[in-house]
Amino acid sequence: MPLSHLLLALSVVFVWGTNFVVIKWGLDEFPSFLFSALRFVLSALPWVFLLKRPAVPWTRMAALGTLLSVGQFGLLYWAMRHDISPGLASLVVQAQVFFTILLSMAISGERLRPLQVLALGLAVAGYVVVAWHSIIDPAAAVTLAGLAMVLSAAFCWGCANTLVRTAGKVNMLALTTWSCLYGCVPVLVLSLLVDGPQEIAHALANATWHGWLAVLWQALGNTTFAFGVWNWLMARHPASTVAPTALLVPVFGMLSSAWLVAEPLPDWKLYAAVLVLGGLALNLYSGRLAARRHA
């Protein structure tokens, strides 16, 4: 991979990692489901007028949009508003990798390879560390409910990944954009039911430019720029070359949270991060090893 492309990949994972702090800033001004709704509205408009609708059934795009807007981001934002710190959220949500693998194998009937079992075990051990401290440490910046919600968000992300893989060869940016359009509806309804019209009106009327920049960053920075560049790189290089850079997402997430919002990084968080990242790295290595054997 040329240096310029490596720098592009690093810029994407930097955006994704530091975005957890931006989410926290946005949630200071918008309730969770409204924040997700605004993200999806701005991710869809005006791009749906510029990108041709992909040849995917609308029911599948609606399911994908709902999994993303309500499941992945709605639950993640709900947890991050009160129940988990940005750095820990960036680490825990990486469970989506293993949920994606398990769902894929459940559909195909394949079995986990021994290295994948070990990788999953390492990651689970990391999440157990987080869960234990959410119970025994009042200053842990995470509750058991927050951990459960982020893991649920990761599961929804895994379900969305599985749907995307079954969509066939389509323009992925167009699929994401049109799915965002369909995803706007359920999360807007949920915002009305959960956040309530009064809180929504108050948030929209009193949001500062910081809050609106956070919303724009969710749509333009994370969806349009990061997703577009990532798929551009994946189309030009083997996944085994590009994908390892994603391991830096929780690294950037935890470091930026420590620097920008003063999130403490006690030893137990570092132990949990080493276990989870070790599991993710071992899973990537397992995939490379399997690819070489089949080559």
C-alpha atoms as a PDB file:
ATOM      1  CA  MET A   1       0.000   0.000   0.000  1.00  0.00           C
ATOM      2  CA  PRO A   2       1.487   3.400  -0.967  1.00  0.00           C
ATOM      3  CA  LEU A   3       2.235   5.802   1.869  1.00  0.00           C
ATOM      4  CA  SER A   4      -0.515   8.173   0.706  1.00  0.00           C
ATOM      5  CA  HIS A   5      -3.089   5.374   0.922  1.00  0.00           C
ATOM      6  CA  LEU A   6      -1.817   4.301   4.343  1.00  0.00           C
ATOM      7  CA  LEU A   7      -2.213   7.885   5.540  1.00  0.00           C
ATOM      8  CA  LEU A   8      -5.767   7.901   4.180  1.00  0.00           C
ATOM      9  CA  ALA A   9      -6.538   4.697   6.091  1.00  0.00           C
ATOM     10  CA  LEU A  10      -5.062   6.172   9.261  1.00  0.00           C
ATOM     11  CA  SER A  11      -7.099   9.349   8.779  1.00  0.00           C
ATOM     12  CA  VAL A  12     -10.271   7.253   8.605  1.00  0.00           C
ATOM     13  CA  VAL A  13      -9.551   5.294  11.791  1.00  0.00           C
ATOM     14  CA  PHE A  14      -8.521   8.543  13.484  1.00  0.00           C
ATOM     15  CA  VAL A  15     -11.896  10.052  12.565  1.00  0.00           C
ATOM     16  CA  TRP A  16     -13.737   6.944  13.772  1.00  0.00           C
ATOM     17  CA  GLY A  17     -11.767   6.764  17.019  1.00  0.00           C
ATOM     18  CA  THR A  18     -11.950  10.412  18.024  1.00  0.00           C
ATOM     19  CA  ASN A  19     -15.611  10.533  17.034  1.00  0.00           C
ATOM     20  CA  PHE A  20     -16.595   8.996  20.370  1.00  0.00           C
ATOM     21  CA  VAL A  21     -15.555  12.237  22.069  1.00  0.00           C
ATOM     22  CA  VAL A  22     -17.519  14.244  19.488  1.00  0.00           C
ATOM     23  CA  ILE A  23     -20.551  12.042  20.222  1.00  0.00           C
ATOM     24  CA  LYS A  24     -20.213  12.878  23.908  1.00  0.00           C
ATOM     25  CA  TRP A  25     -20.174  16.594  23.112  1.00  0.00           C
ATOM     26  CA  GLY A  26     -23.245  16.240  20.897  1.00  0.00           C
ATOM     27  CA  LEU A  27     -25.127  14.317  23.578  1.00  0.00           C
ATOM     28  CA  ASP A  28     -24.581  17.216  25.961  1.00  0.00           C
ATOM     29  CA  GLU A  29     -27.039  19.151  23.776  1.00  0.00           C
ATOM     30  CA  PHE A  30     -29.294  16.568  22.106  1.00  0.00           C
ATOM     31  CA  PRO A  31     -31.185  13.574  23.529  1.00  0.00           C
ATOM     32  CA  SER A  32     -29.927  10.217  22.279  1.00  0.00           C
ATOM     33  CA  PHE A  33     -32.497   9.201  19.667  1.00  0.00           C
ATOM     34  CA  LEU A  34     -32.869  12.747  18.324  1.00  0.00           C
ATOM     35  CA  PHE A  35     -29.089  12.873  17.871  1.00  0.00           C
ATOM     36  CA  SER A  36     -29.240   9.612  15.902  1.00  0.00           C
ATOM     37  CA  ALA A  37     -32.189  10.885  13.851  1.00  0.00           C
ATOM     38  CA  LEU A  38     -30.363  14.092  12.921  1.00  0.00           C
ATOM     39  CA  ARG A  39     -27.298  12.099  11.927  1.00  0.00           C
ATOM     40  CA  PHE A  40     -29.323   9.871   9.615  1.00  0.00           C
ATOM     41  CA  VAL A  41     -31.307  12.718   8.066  1.00  0.00           C
ATOM     42  CA  LEU A  42     -28.096  14.571   7.180  1.00  0.00           C
ATOM     43  CA  SER A  43     -26.421  11.354   6.011  1.00  0.00           C
ATOM     44  CA  ALA A  44     -29.294  10.800   3.574  1.00  0.00           C
ATOM     45  CA  LEU A  45     -29.978  14.336   2.358  1.00  0.00           C
ATOM     46  CA  PRO A  46     -29.117  15.598  -0.188  1.00  0.00           C
ATOM     47  CA  TRP A  47     -27.050  12.547  -1.201  1.00  0.00           C
ATOM     48  CA  VAL A  48     -30.036  10.368  -2.141  1.00  0.00           C
ATOM     49  CA  PHE A  49     -30.659  12.785  -5.017  1.00  0.00           C
ATOM     50  CA  LEU A  50     -27.090  12.285  -6.265  1.00  0.00           C
ATOM     51  CA  LEU A  51     -26.670   8.531  -5.799  1.00  0.00           C
ATOM     52  CA  LYS A  52     -28.746   6.044  -7.765  1.00  0.00           C
ATOM     53  CA  ARG A  53     -30.903   3.778  -5.627  1.00  0.00           C
ATOM     54  CA  PRO A  54     -29.137   0.395  -5.431  1.00  0.00           C
ATOM     55  CA  ALA A  55     -30.858  -2.715  -6.783  1.00  0.00           C
ATOM     56  CA  VAL A  56     -31.695  -3.974  -3.296  1.00  0.00           C
ATOM     57  CA  PRO A  57     -35.252  -4.635  -2.039  1.00  0.00           C
ATOM     58  CA  TRP A  58     -36.594  -1.722  -0.016  1.00  0.00           C
ATOM     59  CA  THR A  59     -37.430  -4.092   2.828  1.00  0.00           C
ATOM     60  CA  ARG A  60     -33.764  -5.028   3.166  1.00  0.00           C
ATOM     61  CA  MET A  61     -32.682  -1.384   3.096  1.00  0.00           C
ATOM     62  CA  ALA A  62     -35.355  -0.528   5.677  1.00  0.00           C
ATOM     63  CA  ALA A  63     -34.125  -3.368   7.897  1.00  0.00           C
ATOM     64  CA  LEU A  64     -30.535  -2.210   7.482  1.00  0.00           C
ATOM     65  CA  GLY A  65     -31.457   1.406   8.208  1.00  0.00           C
ATOM     66  CA  THR A  66     -33.382   0.419  11.338  1.00  0.00           C
ATOM     67  CA  LEU A  67     -30.546  -1.777  12.619  1.00  0.00           C
ATOM     68  CA  LEU A  68     -28.155   1.138  12.189  1.00  0.00           C
ATOM     69  CA  SER A  69     -30.265   4.098  13.318  1.00  0.00           C
ATOM     70  CA  VAL A  70     -32.130   2.487  16.219  1.00  0.00           C
ATOM     71  CA  GLY A  71     -29.908  -0.468  17.066  1.00  0.00           C
ATOM     72  CA  GLN A  72     -26.294   0.470  16.499  1.00  0.00           C
ATOM     73  CA  PHE A  73     -26.316   4.228  16.995  1.00  0.00           C
ATOM     74  CA  GLY A  74     -29.498   4.693  19.001  1.00  0.00           C
ATOM     75  CA  LEU A  75     -28.386   2.242  21.692  1.00  0.00           C
ATOM     76  CA  LEU A  76     -24.781   3.463  21.575  1.00  0.00           C
ATOM     77  CA  TYR A  77     -25.853   7.088  22.034  1.00  0.00           C
ATOM     78  CA  TRP A  78     -28.306   6.132  24.789  1.00  0.00           C
ATOM     79  CA  ALA A  79     -25.531   4.360  26.691  1.00  0.00           C
ATOM     80  CA  MET A  80     -22.984   7.129  26.146  1.00  0.00           C
ATOM     81  CA  ARG A  81     -25.284   9.825  27.461  1.00  0.00           C
ATOM     82  CA  HIS A  82     -25.206   8.503  31.030  1.00  0.00           C
ATOM     83  CA  ASP A  83     -23.796   4.990  31.359  1.00  0.00           C
ATOM     84  CA  ILE A  84     -20.410   4.620  29.659  1.00  0.00           C
ATOM     85  CA  SER A  85     -17.435   6.849  28.884  1.00  0.00           C
ATOM     86  CA  PRO A  86     -16.351   7.562  25.279  1.00  0.00           C
ATOM     87  CA  GLY A  87     -13.088   5.631  25.561  1.00  0.00           C
ATOM     88  CA  LEU A  88     -14.702   2.497  26.939  1.00  0.00           C
ATOM     89  CA  ALA A  89     -17.513   2.739  24.381  1.00  0.00           C
ATOM     90  CA  SER A  90     -14.940   2.788  21.563  1.00  0.00           C
ATOM     91  CA  LEU A  91     -13.458  -0.428  22.964  1.00  0.00           C
ATOM     92  CA  VAL A  92     -16.627  -2.342  23.828  1.00  0.00           C
ATOM     93  CA  VAL A  93     -18.397  -1.694  20.510  1.00  0.00           C
ATOM     94  CA  GLN A  94     -15.587  -3.574  18.735  1.00  0.00           C
ATOM     95  CA  ALA A  95     -17.455  -6.718  19.798  1.00  0.00           C
ATOM     96  CA  GLN A  96     -19.259  -6.209  16.470  1.00  0.00           C
ATOM     97  CA  VAL A  97     -16.360  -8.053  14.819  1.00  0.00           C
ATOM     98  CA  PHE A  98     -17.093 -11.231  16.752  1.00  0.00           C
ATOM     99  CA  PHE A  99     -20.863 -10.883  16.465  1.00  0.00           C
ATOM    100  CA  THR A 100     -20.435 -10.604  12.689  1.00  0.00           C
ATOM    101  CA  ILE A 101     -18.330 -13.771  12.612  1.00  0.00           C
ATOM    102  CA  LEU A 102     -20.734 -15.734  14.819  1.00  0.00           C
ATOM    103  CA  LEU A 103     -23.779 -14.650  12.799  1.00  0.00           C
ATOM    104  CA  SER A 104     -22.045 -15.506   9.537  1.00  0.00           C
ATOM    105  CA  MET A 105     -21.123 -18.955  10.818  1.00  0.00           C
ATOM    106  CA  ALA A 106     -24.618 -19.546  12.155  1.00  0.00           C
ATOM    107  CA  ILE A 107     -25.954 -18.907   8.651  1.00  0.00           C
ATOM    108  CA  SER A 108     -23.284 -20.877   6.772  1.00  0.00           C
ATOM    109  CA  GLY A 109     -22.981 -23.734   9.256  1.00  0.00           C
ATOM    110  CA  GLU A 110     -19.203 -23.314   9.499  1.00  0.00           C
ATOM    111  CA  ARG A 111     -17.305 -23.799  12.738  1.00  0.00           C
ATOM    112  CA  LEU A 112     -14.914 -21.455  14.486  1.00  0.00           C
ATOM    113  CA  ARG A 113     -11.260 -22.186  13.848  1.00  0.00           C
ATOM    114  CA  PRO A 114      -9.130 -22.845  16.969  1.00  0.00           C
ATOM    115  CA  LEU A 115      -7.410 -19.455  16.685  1.00  0.00           C
ATOM    116  CA  GLN A 116     -10.796 -17.750  16.379  1.00  0.00           C
ATOM    117  CA  VAL A 117     -11.955 -19.485  19.565  1.00  0.00           C
ATOM    118  CA  LEU A 118      -8.841 -18.199  21.339  1.00  0.00           C
ATOM    119  CA  ALA A 119      -9.398 -14.706  19.887  1.00  0.00           C
ATOM    120  CA  LEU A 120     -13.002 -14.699  21.073  1.00  0.00           C
ATOM    121  CA  GLY A 121     -11.901 -15.901  24.508  1.00  0.00           C
ATOM    122  CA  LEU A 122      -9.399 -13.053  24.842  1.00  0.00           C
ATOM    123  CA  ALA A 123     -12.014 -10.456  23.876  1.00  0.00           C
ATOM    124  CA  VAL A 124     -14.605 -11.928  26.243  1.00  0.00           C
ATOM    125  CA  ALA A 125     -12.026 -11.814  29.044  1.00  0.00           C
ATOM    126  CA  GLY A 126     -11.550  -8.107  28.311  1.00  0.00           C
ATOM    127  CA  TYR A 127     -15.283  -7.472  28.505  1.00  0.00           C
ATOM    128  CA  VAL A 128     -15.485  -9.441  31.757  1.00  0.00           C
ATOM    129  CA  VAL A 129     -12.871  -7.078  33.206  1.00  0.00           C
ATOM    130  CA  VAL A 130     -15.058  -4.110  32.213  1.00  0.00           C
ATOM    131  CA  ALA A 131     -18.192  -5.782  33.598  1.00  0.00           C
ATOM    132  CA  TRP A 132     -16.504  -6.617  36.903  1.00  0.00           C
ATOM    133  CA  HIS A 133     -15.343  -3.043  37.443  1.00  0.00           C
ATOM    134  CA  SER A 134     -18.763  -1.688  36.463  1.00  0.00           C
ATOM    135  CA  ILE A 135     -20.064  -3.608  39.496  1.00  0.00           C
ATOM    136  CA  ILE A 136     -17.340  -3.022  42.098  1.00  0.00           C
ATOM    137  CA  ASP A 137     -16.021   0.435  41.159  1.00  0.00           C
ATOM    138  CA  PRO A 138     -18.382   3.455  41.389  1.00  0.00           C
ATOM    139  CA  ALA A 139     -15.745   5.543  39.586  1.00  0.00           C
ATOM    140  CA  ALA A 140     -15.431   3.127  36.661  1.00  0.00           C
ATOM    141  CA  ALA A 141     -17.322   5.467  34.254  1.00  0.00           C
ATOM    142  CA  VAL A 142     -19.454   2.518  33.131  1.00  0.00           C
ATOM    143  CA  THR A 143     -22.539   0.784  34.477  1.00  0.00           C
ATOM    144  CA  LEU A 144     -23.572  -2.782  33.792  1.00  0.00           C
ATOM    145  CA  ALA A 145     -26.587  -1.403  31.896  1.00  0.00           C
ATOM    146  CA  GLY A 146     -24.296   0.782  29.788  1.00  0.00           C
ATOM    147  CA  LEU A 147     -22.078  -2.187  28.962  1.00  0.00           C
ATOM    148  CA  ALA A 148     -25.128  -4.255  27.993  1.00  0.00           C
ATOM    149  CA  MET A 149     -26.465  -1.471  25.750  1.00  0.00           C
ATOM    150  CA  VAL A 150     -23.161  -1.031  23.911  1.00  0.00           C
ATOM    151  CA  LEU A 151     -22.857  -4.801  23.438  1.00  0.00           C
ATOM    152  CA  SER A 152     -26.435  -4.759  22.085  1.00  0.00           C
ATOM    153  CA  ALA A 153     -25.411  -1.945  19.722  1.00  0.00           C
ATOM    154  CA  ALA A 154     -22.459  -4.080  18.608  1.00  0.00           C
ATOM    155  CA  PHE A 155     -24.818  -7.012  17.994  1.00  0.00           C
ATOM    156  CA  CYS A 156     -27.057  -4.800  15.823  1.00  0.00           C
ATOM    157  CA  TRP A 157     -23.937  -3.670  13.956  1.00  0.00           C
ATOM    158  CA  GLY A 158     -23.049  -7.317  13.374  1.00  0.00           C
ATOM    159  CA  CYS A 159     -26.567  -7.986  12.053  1.00  0.00           C
ATOM    160  CA  ALA A 160     -26.214  -4.981   9.739  1.00  0.00           C
ATOM    161  CA  ASN A 161     -22.848  -6.281   8.472  1.00  0.00           C
ATOM    162  CA  THR A 162     -24.481  -9.634   7.734  1.00  0.00           C
ATOM    163  CA  LEU A 163     -27.270  -7.935   5.762  1.00  0.00           C
ATOM    164  CA  VAL A 164     -24.741  -5.897   3.784  1.00  0.00           C
ATOM    165  CA  ARG A 165     -22.786  -9.031   2.861  1.00  0.00           C
ATOM    166  CA  THR A 166     -25.921 -10.616   1.405  1.00  0.00           C
ATOM    167  CA  ALA A 167     -26.717  -7.533  -0.694  1.00  0.00           C
ATOM    168  CA  GLY A 168     -24.384  -8.591  -3.504  1.00  0.00           C
ATOM    169  CA  LYS A 169     -22.150  -6.316  -5.564  1.00  0.00           C
ATOM    170  CA  VAL A 170     -23.659  -2.862  -5.152  1.00  0.00           C
ATOM    171  CA  ASN A 171     -22.379   0.667  -4.632  1.00  0.00           C
ATOM    172  CA  MET A 172     -21.782   0.545  -0.878  1.00  0.00           C
ATOM    173  CA  LEU A 173     -21.975   4.318  -0.413  1.00  0.00           C
ATOM    174  CA  ALA A 174     -25.328   4.354  -2.227  1.00  0.00           C
ATOM    175  CA  LEU A 175     -26.566   1.439  -0.114  1.00  0.00           C
ATOM    176  CA  THR A 176     -25.539   3.216   3.083  1.00  0.00           C
ATOM    177  CA  THR A 177     -27.081   6.515   1.996  1.00  0.00           C
ATOM    178  CA  TRP A 178     -30.416   5.011   0.968  1.00  0.00           C
ATOM    179  CA  SER A 179     -30.496   2.849   4.091  1.00  0.00           C
ATOM    180  CA  CYS A 180     -29.986   6.023   6.122  1.00  0.00           C
ATOM    181  CA  LEU A 181     -33.066   7.479   4.415  1.00  0.00           C
ATOM    182  CA  TYR A 182     -35.160   4.469   5.437  1.00  0.00           C
ATOM    183  CA  GLY A 183     -33.576   4.492   8.896  1.00  0.00           C
ATOM    184  CA  CYS A 184     -34.685   8.076   9.553  1.00  0.00           C
ATOM    185  CA  VAL A 185     -38.322   7.079  10.025  1.00  0.00           C
ATOM    186  CA  PRO A 186     -38.124   4.548  12.893  1.00  0.00           C
ATOM    187  CA  VAL A 187     -35.576   6.537  14.872  1.00  0.00           C
ATOM    188  CA  LEU A 188     -37.612   9.745  14.489  1.00  0.00           C
ATOM    189  CA  VAL A 189     -40.694   7.909  15.765  1.00  0.00           C
ATOM    190  CA  LEU A 190     -38.665   6.477  18.649  1.00  0.00           C
ATOM    191  CA  SER A 191     -37.326   9.935  19.466  1.00  0.00           C
ATOM    192  CA  LEU A 192     -40.878  11.292  19.669  1.00  0.00           C
ATOM    193  CA  LEU A 193     -41.912   8.428  21.948  1.00  0.00           C
ATOM    194  CA  VAL A 194     -38.846   8.328  24.200  1.00  0.00           C
ATOM    195  CA  ASP A 195     -37.399  11.845  24.114  1.00  0.00           C
ATOM    196  CA  GLY A 196     -40.791  13.512  23.781  1.00  0.00           C
ATOM    197  CA  PRO A 197     -41.845  16.554  21.696  1.00  0.00           C
ATOM    198  CA  GLN A 198     -41.024  18.989  24.499  1.00  0.00           C
ATOM    199  CA  GLU A 199     -37.438  17.808  24.960  1.00  0.00           C
ATOM    200  CA  ILE A 200     -36.929  17.669  21.194  1.00  0.00           C
ATOM    201  CA  ALA A 201     -38.192  21.238  20.741  1.00  0.00           C
ATOM    202  CA  HIS A 202     -36.053  22.467  23.640  1.00  0.00           C
ATOM    203  CA  ALA A 203     -32.921  20.795  22.250  1.00  0.00           C
ATOM    204  CA  LEU A 204     -33.440  22.146  18.728  1.00  0.00           C
ATOM    205  CA  ALA A 205     -34.160  25.652  19.997  1.00  0.00           C
ATOM    206  CA  ASN A 206     -31.225  25.822  22.398  1.00  0.00           C
ATOM    207  CA  ALA A 207     -28.481  23.868  20.627  1.00  0.00           C
ATOM    208  CA  THR A 208     -25.247  25.802  20.163  1.00  0.00           C
ATOM    209  CA  TRP A 209     -23.003  25.685  17.140  1.00  0.00           C
ATOM    210  CA  HIS A 210     -20.902  23.102  19.001  1.00  0.00           C
ATOM    211  CA  GLY A 211     -23.889  20.753  19.048  1.00  0.00           C
ATOM    212  CA  TRP A 212     -24.710  21.281  15.389  1.00  0.00           C
ATOM    213  CA  LEU A 213     -21.066  20.752  14.419  1.00  0.00           C
ATOM    214  CA  ALA A 214     -21.179  17.449  16.304  1.00  0.00           C
ATOM    215  CA  VAL A 215     -24.251  16.442  14.279  1.00  0.00           C
ATOM    216  CA  LEU A 216     -22.621  17.476  10.994  1.00  0.00           C
ATOM    217  CA  TRP A 217     -19.485  15.555  11.901  1.00  0.00           C
ATOM    218  CA  GLN A 218     -21.541  12.385  12.429  1.00  0.00           C
ATOM    219  CA  ALA A 219     -23.002  12.714   8.945  1.00  0.00           C
ATOM    220  CA  LEU A 220     -20.206  14.228   6.859  1.00  0.00           C
ATOM    221  CA  GLY A 221     -17.084  13.151   8.721  1.00  0.00           C
ATOM    222  CA  ASN A 222     -18.019   9.638   9.757  1.00  0.00           C
ATOM    223  CA  THR A 223     -20.455   8.575   7.065  1.00  0.00           C
ATOM    224  CA  THR A 224     -19.641  10.441   3.852  1.00  0.00           C
ATOM    225  CA  PHE A 225     -15.873  10.937   4.246  1.00  0.00           C
ATOM    226  CA  ALA A 226     -14.770   7.991   6.375  1.00  0.00           C
ATOM    227  CA  PHE A 227     -17.051   5.357   4.857  1.00  0.00           C
ATOM    228  CA  GLY A 228     -16.376   6.590   1.317  1.00  0.00           C
ATOM    229  CA  VAL A 229     -12.588   6.596   1.730  1.00  0.00           C
ATOM    230  CA  TRP A 230     -12.578   3.239   3.528  1.00  0.00           C
ATOM    231  CA  ASN A 231     -14.506   1.544   0.730  1.00  0.00           C
ATOM    232  CA  TRP A 232     -12.316   3.242  -1.872  1.00  0.00           C
ATOM    233  CA  LEU A 233      -9.264   1.728  -0.160  1.00  0.00           C
ATOM    234  CA  MET A 234     -10.917  -1.687   0.229  1.00  0.00           C
ATOM    235  CA  ALA A 235     -11.631  -1.702  -3.514  1.00  0.00           C
ATOM    236  CA  ARG A 236      -7.950  -1.099  -4.318  1.00  0.00           C
ATOM    237  CA  HIS A 237      -6.135  -3.217  -1.749  1.00  0.00           C
ATOM    238  CA  PRO A 238      -6.633  -6.638  -0.135  1.00  0.00           C
ATOM    239  CA  ALA A 239      -8.807  -6.524   2.975  1.00  0.00           C
ATOM    240  CA  SER A 240      -5.916  -8.110   4.884  1.00  0.00           C
ATOM    241  CA  THR A 241      -3.859  -4.988   4.131  1.00  0.00           C
ATOM    242  CA  VAL A 242      -6.468  -2.360   5.001  1.00  0.00           C
ATOM    243  CA  ALA A 243      -8.429  -3.991   7.839  1.00  0.00           C
ATOM    244  CA  PRO A 244      -5.598  -4.139  10.439  1.00  0.00           C
ATOM    245  CA  THR A 245      -5.541  -0.337  10.641  1.00  0.00           C
ATOM    246  CA  ALA A 246      -9.034  -0.524  12.188  1.00  0.00           C
ATOM    247  CA  LEU A 247      -7.380  -1.934  15.326  1.00  0.00           C
ATOM    248  CA  LEU A 248      -6.355   1.649  16.054  1.00  0.00           C
ATOM    249  CA  VAL A 249      -9.970   2.847  16.414  1.00  0.00           C
ATOM    250  CA  PRO A 250     -10.225   2.061  20.167  1.00  0.00           C
ATOM    251  CA  VAL A 251      -6.653   3.278  20.659  1.00  0.00           C
ATOM    252  CA  PHE A 252      -7.562   6.686  19.222  1.00  0.00           C
ATOM    253  CA  GLY A 253     -10.871   6.514  21.083  1.00  0.00           C
ATOM    254  CA  MET A 254      -9.334   5.920  24.505  1.00  0.00           C
ATOM    255  CA  LEU A 255      -6.439   8.356  24.060  1.00  0.00           C
ATOM    256  CA  SER A 256      -8.629  11.183  22.716  1.00  0.00           C
ATOM    257  CA  SER A 257     -11.129  10.632  25.532  1.00  0.00           C
ATOM    258  CA  ALA A 258      -8.334  10.822  28.106  1.00  0.00           C
ATOM    259  CA  TRP A 259      -6.973  13.993  26.518  1.00  0.00           C
ATOM    260  CA  LEU A 260     -10.126  15.893  25.571  1.00  0.00           C
ATOM    261  CA  VAL A 261     -12.635  14.927  28.274  1.00  0.00           C
ATOM    262  CA  ALA A 262     -10.188  13.837  30.982  1.00  0.00           C
ATOM    263  CA  GLU A 263     -11.360  10.213  31.088  1.00  0.00           C
ATOM    264  CA  PRO A 264      -9.144   8.353  33.589  1.00  0.00           C
ATOM    265  CA  LEU A 265      -7.155   5.383  32.276  1.00  0.00           C
ATOM    266  CA  PRO A 266      -6.580   3.141  35.308  1.00  0.00           C
ATOM    267  CA  ASP A 267      -4.700  -0.139  34.936  1.00  0.00           C
ATOM    268  CA  TRP A 268      -7.855  -2.231  34.570  1.00  0.00           C
ATOM    269  CA  LYS A 269      -8.940  -0.300  31.458  1.00  0.00           C
ATOM    270  CA  LEU A 270      -5.542  -0.894  29.896  1.00  0.00           C
ATOM    271  CA  TYR A 271      -5.712  -4.610  30.747  1.00  0.00           C
ATOM    272  CA  ALA A 272      -9.179  -4.808  29.170  1.00  0.00           C
ATOM    273  CA  ALA A 273      -7.931  -2.962  26.073  1.00  0.00           C
ATOM    274  CA  VAL A 274      -4.949  -5.310  25.681  1.00  0.00           C
ATOM    275  CA  LEU A 275      -7.222  -8.363  25.923  1.00  0.00           C
ATOM    276  CA  VAL A 276      -9.810  -7.050  23.451  1.00  0.00           C
ATOM    277  CA  LEU A 277      -7.242  -5.723  20.976  1.00  0.00           C
ATOM    278  CA  GLY A 278      -5.278  -8.950  21.313  1.00  0.00           C
ATOM    279  CA  GLY A 279      -8.419 -10.877  20.432  1.00  0.00           C
ATOM    280  CA  LEU A 280      -9.112  -8.650  17.431  1.00  0.00           C
ATOM    281  CA  ALA A 281      -5.511  -8.943  16.204  1.00  0.00           C
ATOM    282  CA  LEU A 282      -5.512 -12.726  16.617  1.00  0.00           C
ATOM    283  CA  ASN A 283      -8.776 -12.933  14.689  1.00  0.00           C
ATOM    284  CA  LEU A 284      -7.214 -10.978  11.816  1.00  0.00           C
ATOM    285  CA  TYR A 285      -4.171 -13.262  11.868  1.00  0.00           C
ATOM    286  CA  SER A 286      -6.453 -16.312  11.840  1.00  0.00           C
ATOM    287  CA  GLY A 287      -8.173 -14.971   8.729  1.00  0.00           C
ATOM    288  CA  ARG A 288      -4.854 -14.411   6.965  1.00  0.00           C
ATOM    289  CA  LEU A 289      -3.673 -17.899   7.890  1.00  0.00           C
ATOM    290  CA  ALA A 290      -6.870 -19.462   6.546  1.00  0.00           C
ATOM    291  CA  ALA A 291      -6.557 -17.458   3.312  1.00  0.00           C
ATOM    292  CA  ARG A 292      -2.992 -18.719   2.780  1.00  0.00           C
ATOM    293  CA  ARG A 293      -4.059 -22.325   3.289  1.00  0.00           C
ATOM    294  CA  HIS A 294      -6.811 -21.961   0.690  1.00  0.00           C
ATOM    295  CA  ALA A 295      -4.556 -20.127  -1.778  1.00  0.00           C
END
